[in-house]
Amino acid sequence: MSEEKPICSAKGCRADAVWVLAWNNPKVHTPERRKTWLACEEHREHLSQFLGVRGFLKDVVPFAEWESAEPGSAADR
């Protein structure tokens, strides 16, 4: 059984994720809640801007760092 590699959340992208974009919608989520999108190098800026313009972006962290800080968690795209 092989482990599935995390992929970028950008529409149509199948590249490996190297960034985690942590966000929340303050109209829907409690302040401490963090949803996540994954991003490859190519789409990190675009996805960050999309979330940032809406005031949703909270943090951008390298995937390896996020994974080690959040054991057992998966991105809930």
Protein backbone atom coordinates (compact mmCIF):
# COMPACT_ATOMS: atom_id res chain seq x y z
CA MET A 1 0.00 0.00 0.00
CA SER A 2 1.54 3.32 -1.06
CA GLU A 3 1.01 6.60 0.71
CA GLU A 4 -0.74 9.23 -1.35
CA LYS A 5 1.38 12.35 -1.90
CA PRO A 6 -0.29 15.64 -1.07
CA ILE A 7 -0.99 17.69 -4.18
CA CYS A 8 -1.57 21.37 -4.87
CA SER A 9 -5.10 22.69 -4.31
CA ALA A 10 -5.03 24.89 -7.44
CA LYS A 11 -7.64 23.81 -9.97
CA GLY A 12 -6.21 21.25 -12.38
CA CYS A 13 -2.76 21.17 -10.77
CA ARG A 14 -1.33 17.76 -9.92
CA ALA A 15 2.07 18.97 -8.63
CA ASP A 16 3.36 17.97 -5.22
CA ALA A 17 2.38 20.37 -2.45
CA VAL A 18 5.27 22.16 -0.75
CA TRP A 19 3.29 24.87 1.09
CA VAL A 20 0.32 24.93 3.45
CA LEU A 21 -1.93 27.99 3.38
CA ALA A 22 -3.84 28.16 6.66
CA TRP A 23 -7.01 30.23 6.50
CA ASN A 24 -10.44 30.79 7.93
CA ASN A 25 -13.57 32.68 6.98
CA PRO A 26 -14.43 34.80 10.03
CA LYS A 27 -18.12 34.84 9.02
CA VAL A 28 -18.24 31.03 9.18
CA HIS A 29 -15.39 29.76 11.39
CA THR A 30 -14.40 30.43 14.98
CA PRO A 31 -11.17 32.52 15.26
CA GLU A 32 -8.98 29.53 16.20
CA ARG A 33 -10.26 27.29 13.36
CA ARG A 34 -7.85 26.74 10.47
CA LYS A 35 -8.81 25.32 7.11
CA THR A 36 -5.91 24.47 4.78
CA TRP A 37 -5.10 24.63 1.12
CA LEU A 38 -1.96 23.04 -0.26
CA ALA A 39 0.20 24.77 -2.85
CA CYS A 40 3.08 23.94 -5.16
CA GLU A 41 5.78 26.58 -5.75
CA GLU A 42 4.03 27.80 -8.91
CA HIS A 43 0.63 28.41 -7.28
CA ARG A 44 1.61 29.57 -3.78
CA GLU A 45 1.43 33.28 -4.60
CA HIS A 46 -1.82 33.03 -6.57
CA LEU A 47 -3.62 31.05 -3.87
CA SER A 48 -2.22 33.34 -1.15
CA GLN A 49 -3.49 36.41 -2.99
CA PHE A 50 -6.92 34.84 -3.49
CA LEU A 51 -7.27 34.21 0.24
CA GLY A 52 -5.53 37.44 1.26
CA VAL A 53 -7.82 39.73 -0.73
CA ARG A 54 -10.76 38.23 1.15
CA GLY A 55 -9.05 38.61 4.53
CA PHE A 56 -9.00 34.82 5.02
CA LEU A 57 -5.25 34.04 4.89
CA LYS A 58 -3.72 33.46 8.33
CA ASP A 59 -0.38 31.75 7.64
CA VAL A 60 1.80 30.23 4.91
CA VAL A 61 4.05 27.41 6.14
CA PRO A 62 6.31 24.91 4.37
CA PHE A 63 4.45 21.59 4.13
CA ALA A 64 7.18 19.63 5.95
CA GLU A 65 7.04 22.08 8.87
CA TRP A 66 3.21 21.94 9.04
CA GLU A 67 3.22 18.16 8.87
CA SER A 68 5.70 17.84 11.74
CA ALA A 69 3.72 20.36 13.85
CA GLU A 70 0.34 18.69 13.16
CA PRO A 71 0.88 14.92 13.50
CA GLY A 72 -1.78 12.86 11.78
CA SER A 73 -3.59 15.84 10.29
CA ALA A 74 -4.57 16.09 6.66
CA ALA A 75 -5.51 19.14 4.66
CA ASP A 76 -9.29 19.66 4.58
CA ARG A 77 -9.58 21.35 1.23
